[in-house]
Amino acid sequence: MSRTCGVAVTVFGCGWVLMGLEILGGRMLSPDFGSGVWVWGSVISIFLAALSTGYFVGGLLSQRFPQGFGLALVIVMAAISIIPVAIWHRTASGWFADLDLHERWGSLFAAMTLFFVPSMLLGIVSPYAVRLVTQDVASVGTKAGTLYAISTAGSFLGCLLTSFYFILWMGIQLILFLSAGALLLIALLLLATWYTKGIKKQEVVTNET
């Protein structure tokens, strides 16, 4: 598998996990705050703020560390950040509910505590990936458009399948653990494709000399 294909699989998988997490967000908060417009407004707002931050940070990191290892490390961090959400989301949501805040503020603070870090880390992926596959300025538009389309396709499937099937089949906690595991596998695949390709190139150069 080429580096470009490895990066494409990476953005697809991360887009899937990101939107699946957003769908789960409303379900996680609903026992304490209901499932009204304030809850979904809080979840969507936090995800958008986190993605905005992630896009900015991803652009900076991709310039300083334009290597597959850097992106893989971000994905591993995202996987790790999901584990506390899986374990303590009921406790965290209940704690904010017990503060006796208005539902709109309680749900907003709970959403920020639970989802900002994982979604911000996943937001880093797309701009970082664009930098990794771009070889020259002339192709950056095409590469960026293609990767964002692939990422959005993953988000589409993650949203649809999580809401229609996975929640009913597996429940929230298991989906979160599987999402963390999937991100770890994606990071390993990215490393394998990135550095295997690099080793092959080095061997070709050595043989030619």
C-alpha atoms as a PDB file:
ATOM      1  CA  MET A   1       0.000   0.000   0.000  1.00  0.00           C
ATOM      2  CA  SER A   2       1.340   3.431  -0.938  1.00  0.00           C
ATOM      3  CA  ARG A   3       1.714   6.308   1.501  1.00  0.00           C
ATOM      4  CA  THR A   4      -1.138   8.164  -0.169  1.00  0.00           C
ATOM      5  CA  CYS A   5      -3.476   5.190   0.258  1.00  0.00           C
ATOM      6  CA  GLY A   6      -2.402   4.848   3.886  1.00  0.00           C
ATOM      7  CA  VAL A   7      -3.190   8.500   4.522  1.00  0.00           C
ATOM      8  CA  ALA A   8      -6.546   8.148   2.730  1.00  0.00           C
ATOM      9  CA  VAL A   9      -7.511   5.205   4.948  1.00  0.00           C
ATOM     10  CA  THR A  10      -6.411   7.264   7.942  1.00  0.00           C
ATOM     11  CA  VAL A  11      -8.665  10.247   7.209  1.00  0.00           C
ATOM     12  CA  PHE A  12     -11.577   7.953   6.355  1.00  0.00           C
ATOM     13  CA  GLY A  13     -11.293   6.065   9.640  1.00  0.00           C
ATOM     14  CA  CYS A  14     -10.769   9.182  11.730  1.00  0.00           C
ATOM     15  CA  GLY A  15     -13.755  10.873  10.067  1.00  0.00           C
ATOM     16  CA  TRP A  16     -15.856   7.811  10.884  1.00  0.00           C
ATOM     17  CA  VAL A  17     -14.828   7.820  14.553  1.00  0.00           C
ATOM     18  CA  LEU A  18     -15.300  11.577  14.886  1.00  0.00           C
ATOM     19  CA  MET A  19     -18.894  11.609  13.690  1.00  0.00           C
ATOM     20  CA  GLY A  20     -19.713   8.440  15.599  1.00  0.00           C
ATOM     21  CA  LEU A  21     -18.468  10.158  18.747  1.00  0.00           C
ATOM     22  CA  GLU A  22     -20.633  13.190  18.042  1.00  0.00           C
ATOM     23  CA  ILE A  23     -23.741  11.021  17.639  1.00  0.00           C
ATOM     24  CA  LEU A  24     -22.917   9.237  20.895  1.00  0.00           C
ATOM     25  CA  GLY A  25     -22.440  12.601  22.605  1.00  0.00           C
ATOM     26  CA  GLY A  26     -26.124  13.414  22.614  1.00  0.00           C
ATOM     27  CA  ARG A  27     -26.974   9.956  23.925  1.00  0.00           C
ATOM     28  CA  MET A  28     -24.417  10.240  26.717  1.00  0.00           C
ATOM     29  CA  LEU A  29     -25.871  13.491  27.999  1.00  0.00           C
ATOM     30  CA  SER A  30     -29.549  12.639  27.524  1.00  0.00           C
ATOM     31  CA  PRO A  31     -30.067  10.746  30.837  1.00  0.00           C
ATOM     32  CA  ASP A  32     -29.176  13.899  32.790  1.00  0.00           C
ATOM     33  CA  PHE A  33     -30.110  16.729  30.440  1.00  0.00           C
ATOM     34  CA  GLY A  34     -32.683  15.259  28.086  1.00  0.00           C
ATOM     35  CA  SER A  35     -32.407  15.158  24.313  1.00  0.00           C
ATOM     36  CA  GLY A  36     -33.682  18.611  23.473  1.00  0.00           C
ATOM     37  CA  VAL A  37     -32.223  21.353  21.341  1.00  0.00           C
ATOM     38  CA  TRP A  38     -29.946  22.624  24.148  1.00  0.00           C
ATOM     39  CA  VAL A  39     -28.181  19.276  24.447  1.00  0.00           C
ATOM     40  CA  TRP A  40     -27.626  18.867  20.718  1.00  0.00           C
ATOM     41  CA  GLY A  41     -26.723  22.529  20.391  1.00  0.00           C
ATOM     42  CA  SER A  42     -24.109  22.076  23.123  1.00  0.00           C
ATOM     43  CA  VAL A  43     -22.650  18.916  21.578  1.00  0.00           C
ATOM     44  CA  ILE A  44     -22.484  20.341  18.060  1.00  0.00           C
ATOM     45  CA  SER A  45     -21.042  23.663  19.280  1.00  0.00           C
ATOM     46  CA  ILE A  46     -18.269  21.952  21.247  1.00  0.00           C
ATOM     47  CA  PHE A  47     -17.392  19.710  18.335  1.00  0.00           C
ATOM     48  CA  LEU A  48     -17.228  22.679  15.974  1.00  0.00           C
ATOM     49  CA  ALA A  49     -15.051  24.672  18.385  1.00  0.00           C
ATOM     50  CA  ALA A  50     -12.778  21.677  18.877  1.00  0.00           C
ATOM     51  CA  LEU A  51     -12.496  21.040  15.152  1.00  0.00           C
ATOM     52  CA  SER A  52     -11.666  24.679  14.516  1.00  0.00           C
ATOM     53  CA  THR A  53      -8.880  24.434  17.088  1.00  0.00           C
ATOM     54  CA  GLY A  54      -7.721  21.121  15.675  1.00  0.00           C
ATOM     55  CA  TYR A  55      -7.544  22.414  12.119  1.00  0.00           C
ATOM     56  CA  PHE A  56      -5.390  25.319  13.254  1.00  0.00           C
ATOM     57  CA  VAL A  57      -3.087  23.175  15.392  1.00  0.00           C
ATOM     58  CA  GLY A  58      -2.883  20.538  12.660  1.00  0.00           C
ATOM     59  CA  GLY A  59      -1.683  23.110  10.162  1.00  0.00           C
ATOM     60  CA  LEU A  60       1.051  24.252  12.535  1.00  0.00           C
ATOM     61  CA  LEU A  61       2.169  20.748  13.482  1.00  0.00           C
ATOM     62  CA  SER A  62       2.258  19.568   9.876  1.00  0.00           C
ATOM     63  CA  GLN A  63       4.721  22.329   9.036  1.00  0.00           C
ATOM     64  CA  ARG A  64       7.020  21.526  11.950  1.00  0.00           C
ATOM     65  CA  PHE A  65       6.793  17.717  11.818  1.00  0.00           C
ATOM     66  CA  PRO A  66       5.847  16.654   8.274  1.00  0.00           C
ATOM     67  CA  GLN A  67       6.256  12.929   8.961  1.00  0.00           C
ATOM     68  CA  GLY A  68       3.896  10.005   9.282  1.00  0.00           C
ATOM     69  CA  PHE A  69       5.049   9.397  12.838  1.00  0.00           C
ATOM     70  CA  GLY A  70       3.735  12.792  13.934  1.00  0.00           C
ATOM     71  CA  LEU A  71       0.258  12.124  12.568  1.00  0.00           C
ATOM     72  CA  ALA A  72       0.246   8.600  14.000  1.00  0.00           C
ATOM     73  CA  LEU A  73       1.142  10.004  17.417  1.00  0.00           C
ATOM     74  CA  VAL A  74      -1.796  12.420  17.260  1.00  0.00           C
ATOM     75  CA  ILE A  75      -4.136   9.537  16.407  1.00  0.00           C
ATOM     76  CA  VAL A  76      -2.805   7.463  19.310  1.00  0.00           C
ATOM     77  CA  MET A  77      -3.422  10.416  21.620  1.00  0.00           C
ATOM     78  CA  ALA A  78      -6.982  10.667  20.271  1.00  0.00           C
ATOM     79  CA  ALA A  79      -7.510   6.972  20.980  1.00  0.00           C
ATOM     80  CA  ILE A  80      -6.247   7.368  24.536  1.00  0.00           C
ATOM     81  CA  SER A  81      -8.446  10.427  25.102  1.00  0.00           C
ATOM     82  CA  ILE A  82     -11.581   8.419  24.235  1.00  0.00           C
ATOM     83  CA  ILE A  83     -10.967   5.825  26.970  1.00  0.00           C
ATOM     84  CA  PRO A  84     -11.792   8.155  29.921  1.00  0.00           C
ATOM     85  CA  VAL A  85     -14.958   9.199  28.077  1.00  0.00           C
ATOM     86  CA  ALA A  86     -15.991   5.548  27.828  1.00  0.00           C
ATOM     87  CA  ILE A  87     -15.313   4.910  31.512  1.00  0.00           C
ATOM     88  CA  TRP A  88     -16.527   8.098  33.182  1.00  0.00           C
ATOM     89  CA  HIS A  89     -19.100   9.735  30.894  1.00  0.00           C
ATOM     90  CA  ARG A  90     -21.992   8.854  33.214  1.00  0.00           C
ATOM     91  CA  THR A  91     -20.137  10.188  36.246  1.00  0.00           C
ATOM     92  CA  ALA A  92     -19.083  13.410  34.500  1.00  0.00           C
ATOM     93  CA  SER A  93     -22.534  14.082  33.087  1.00  0.00           C
ATOM     94  CA  GLY A  94     -24.157  13.398  36.447  1.00  0.00           C
ATOM     95  CA  TRP A  95     -21.693  15.680  38.236  1.00  0.00           C
ATOM     96  CA  PHE A  96     -22.577  18.629  36.011  1.00  0.00           C
ATOM     97  CA  ALA A  97     -26.276  17.843  36.374  1.00  0.00           C
ATOM     98  CA  ASP A  98     -25.901  17.938  40.172  1.00  0.00           C
ATOM     99  CA  LEU A  99     -24.464  21.456  40.013  1.00  0.00           C
ATOM    100  CA  ASP A 100     -28.012  22.672  39.482  1.00  0.00           C
ATOM    101  CA  LEU A 101     -27.093  24.779  36.481  1.00  0.00           C
ATOM    102  CA  HIS A 102     -29.591  25.547  33.766  1.00  0.00           C
ATOM    103  CA  GLU A 103     -29.785  22.664  31.294  1.00  0.00           C
ATOM    104  CA  ARG A 104     -28.195  24.690  28.522  1.00  0.00           C
ATOM    105  CA  TRP A 105     -25.091  25.481  30.611  1.00  0.00           C
ATOM    106  CA  GLY A 106     -24.853  22.129  32.332  1.00  0.00           C
ATOM    107  CA  SER A 107     -24.979  20.283  29.020  1.00  0.00           C
ATOM    108  CA  LEU A 108     -22.495  22.706  27.470  1.00  0.00           C
ATOM    109  CA  PHE A 109     -19.910  22.254  30.241  1.00  0.00           C
ATOM    110  CA  ALA A 110     -20.424  18.502  30.277  1.00  0.00           C
ATOM    111  CA  ALA A 111     -19.977  18.336  26.500  1.00  0.00           C
ATOM    112  CA  MET A 112     -16.834  20.456  26.691  1.00  0.00           C
ATOM    113  CA  THR A 113     -15.327  18.260  29.404  1.00  0.00           C
ATOM    114  CA  LEU A 114     -16.074  15.001  27.623  1.00  0.00           C
ATOM    115  CA  PHE A 115     -15.648  15.769  23.933  1.00  0.00           C
ATOM    116  CA  PHE A 116     -13.382  18.757  23.354  1.00  0.00           C
ATOM    117  CA  VAL A 117     -10.040  16.949  23.594  1.00  0.00           C
ATOM    118  CA  PRO A 118     -10.871  13.859  21.484  1.00  0.00           C
ATOM    119  CA  SER A 119     -12.574  15.893  18.758  1.00  0.00           C
ATOM    120  CA  MET A 120      -9.793  18.498  18.742  1.00  0.00           C
ATOM    121  CA  LEU A 121      -7.171  15.762  18.272  1.00  0.00           C
ATOM    122  CA  LEU A 122      -9.211  14.199  15.472  1.00  0.00           C
ATOM    123  CA  GLY A 123      -9.554  17.638  13.906  1.00  0.00           C
ATOM    124  CA  ILE A 124      -5.758  17.779  13.585  1.00  0.00           C
ATOM    125  CA  VAL A 125      -5.788  14.786  11.233  1.00  0.00           C
ATOM    126  CA  SER A 126      -7.121  16.275   7.985  1.00  0.00           C
ATOM    127  CA  PRO A 127      -4.803  19.308   7.603  1.00  0.00           C
ATOM    128  CA  TYR A 128      -1.873  17.164   8.744  1.00  0.00           C
ATOM    129  CA  ALA A 129      -2.776  14.528   6.146  1.00  0.00           C
ATOM    130  CA  VAL A 130      -2.968  17.135   3.378  1.00  0.00           C
ATOM    131  CA  ARG A 131       0.573  18.222   4.177  1.00  0.00           C
ATOM    132  CA  LEU A 132       1.858  14.643   4.116  1.00  0.00           C
ATOM    133  CA  VAL A 133       0.558  13.849   0.628  1.00  0.00           C
ATOM    134  CA  THR A 134       1.276  17.214  -0.998  1.00  0.00           C
ATOM    135  CA  GLN A 135       4.447  17.269  -3.042  1.00  0.00           C
ATOM    136  CA  ASP A 136       4.048  20.624  -4.775  1.00  0.00           C
ATOM    137  CA  VAL A 137       1.857  23.720  -4.632  1.00  0.00           C
ATOM    138  CA  ALA A 138       0.152  22.913  -7.946  1.00  0.00           C
ATOM    139  CA  SER A 139      -1.425  19.735  -6.538  1.00  0.00           C
ATOM    140  CA  VAL A 140      -2.403  20.985  -3.086  1.00  0.00           C
ATOM    141  CA  GLY A 141      -5.980  21.886  -4.077  1.00  0.00           C
ATOM    142  CA  THR A 142      -6.676  18.488  -5.601  1.00  0.00           C
ATOM    143  CA  LYS A 143      -5.067  16.592  -2.728  1.00  0.00           C
ATOM    144  CA  ALA A 144      -6.869  18.648  -0.086  1.00  0.00           C
ATOM    145  CA  GLY A 145     -10.236  18.285  -1.809  1.00  0.00           C
ATOM    146  CA  THR A 146      -9.798  14.531  -2.229  1.00  0.00           C
ATOM    147  CA  LEU A 147      -8.776  13.927   1.380  1.00  0.00           C
ATOM    148  CA  TYR A 148     -11.565  16.080   2.800  1.00  0.00           C
ATOM    149  CA  ALA A 149     -14.060  14.228   0.578  1.00  0.00           C
ATOM    150  CA  ILE A 150     -12.768  10.884   1.849  1.00  0.00           C
ATOM    151  CA  SER A 151     -12.875  12.098   5.446  1.00  0.00           C
ATOM    152  CA  THR A 152     -16.440  13.339   5.013  1.00  0.00           C
ATOM    153  CA  ALA A 153     -17.478  10.027   3.465  1.00  0.00           C
ATOM    154  CA  GLY A 154     -16.148   8.330   6.592  1.00  0.00           C
ATOM    155  CA  SER A 155     -18.088  10.794   8.737  1.00  0.00           C
ATOM    156  CA  PHE A 156     -21.246  10.065   6.748  1.00  0.00           C
ATOM    157  CA  LEU A 157     -20.958   6.338   7.354  1.00  0.00           C
ATOM    158  CA  GLY A 158     -19.949   6.818  10.976  1.00  0.00           C
ATOM    159  CA  CYS A 159     -23.010   8.983  11.581  1.00  0.00           C
ATOM    160  CA  LEU A 160     -25.447   6.731   9.752  1.00  0.00           C
ATOM    161  CA  LEU A 161     -24.275   3.365  11.033  1.00  0.00           C
ATOM    162  CA  THR A 162     -23.739   4.516  14.606  1.00  0.00           C
ATOM    163  CA  SER A 163     -27.198   6.080  14.878  1.00  0.00           C
ATOM    164  CA  PHE A 164     -29.080   3.393  12.931  1.00  0.00           C
ATOM    165  CA  TYR A 165     -27.354   0.217  14.130  1.00  0.00           C
ATOM    166  CA  PHE A 166     -24.334   0.328  16.426  1.00  0.00           C
ATOM    167  CA  ILE A 167     -26.027   2.005  19.400  1.00  0.00           C
ATOM    168  CA  LEU A 168     -28.774  -0.606  19.313  1.00  0.00           C
ATOM    169  CA  TRP A 169     -26.386  -3.521  18.874  1.00  0.00           C
ATOM    170  CA  MET A 170     -23.532  -2.639  21.200  1.00  0.00           C
ATOM    171  CA  GLY A 171     -24.295   0.274  23.472  1.00  0.00           C
ATOM    172  CA  ILE A 172     -22.283   3.414  24.097  1.00  0.00           C
ATOM    173  CA  GLN A 173     -19.360   2.120  26.144  1.00  0.00           C
ATOM    174  CA  LEU A 174     -18.458  -0.751  23.820  1.00  0.00           C
ATOM    175  CA  ILE A 175     -18.633   1.526  20.770  1.00  0.00           C
ATOM    176  CA  LEU A 176     -16.236   3.955  22.461  1.00  0.00           C
ATOM    177  CA  PHE A 177     -13.751   1.212  23.317  1.00  0.00           C
ATOM    178  CA  LEU A 178     -13.957  -0.147  19.776  1.00  0.00           C
ATOM    179  CA  SER A 179     -13.446   3.368  18.410  1.00  0.00           C
ATOM    180  CA  ALA A 180     -10.303   3.766  20.498  1.00  0.00           C
ATOM    181  CA  GLY A 181      -9.060   0.393  19.284  1.00  0.00           C
ATOM    182  CA  ALA A 182      -9.829   1.301  15.676  1.00  0.00           C
ATOM    183  CA  LEU A 183      -7.789   4.505  16.009  1.00  0.00           C
ATOM    184  CA  LEU A 184      -4.836   2.549  17.361  1.00  0.00           C
ATOM    185  CA  LEU A 185      -5.042   0.187  14.383  1.00  0.00           C
ATOM    186  CA  ILE A 186      -5.265   3.152  12.007  1.00  0.00           C
ATOM    187  CA  ALA A 187      -2.124   4.643  13.568  1.00  0.00           C
ATOM    188  CA  LEU A 188      -0.274   1.335  13.152  1.00  0.00           C
ATOM    189  CA  LEU A 189      -1.412   1.065   9.524  1.00  0.00           C
ATOM    190  CA  LEU A 190      -0.223   4.605   8.830  1.00  0.00           C
ATOM    191  CA  LEU A 191       3.177   3.863  10.360  1.00  0.00           C
ATOM    192  CA  ALA A 192       3.453   0.619   8.408  1.00  0.00           C
ATOM    193  CA  THR A 193       2.644   2.226   5.057  1.00  0.00           C
ATOM    194  CA  TRP A 194       4.741   5.310   5.730  1.00  0.00           C
ATOM    195  CA  TYR A 195       7.947   3.646   6.887  1.00  0.00           C
ATOM    196  CA  THR A 196       7.735   0.512   4.744  1.00  0.00           C
ATOM    197  CA  LYS A 197       7.662   2.790   1.703  1.00  0.00           C
ATOM    198  CA  GLY A 198      10.603   4.733   3.091  1.00  0.00           C
ATOM    199  CA  ILE A 199      12.616   1.551   3.647  1.00  0.00           C
ATOM    200  CA  LYS A 200      11.910   0.346   0.115  1.00  0.00           C
ATOM    201  CA  LYS A 201      13.091   3.662  -1.336  1.00  0.00           C
ATOM    202  CA  GLN A 202      16.265   3.472   0.723  1.00  0.00           C
ATOM    203  CA  GLU A 203      16.926  -0.071  -0.494  1.00  0.00           C
ATOM    204  CA  VAL A 204      16.503   1.027  -4.119  1.00  0.00           C
ATOM    205  CA  VAL A 205      18.985   3.858  -3.661  1.00  0.00           C
ATOM    206  CA  THR A 206      21.457   1.503  -1.961  1.00  0.00           C
ATOM    207  CA  ASN A 207      21.193  -1.051  -4.763  1.00  0.00           C
ATOM    208  CA  GLU A 208      21.716   1.616  -7.419  1.00  0.00           C
ATOM    209  CA  THR A 209      24.886   2.806  -5.747  1.00  0.00           C
END
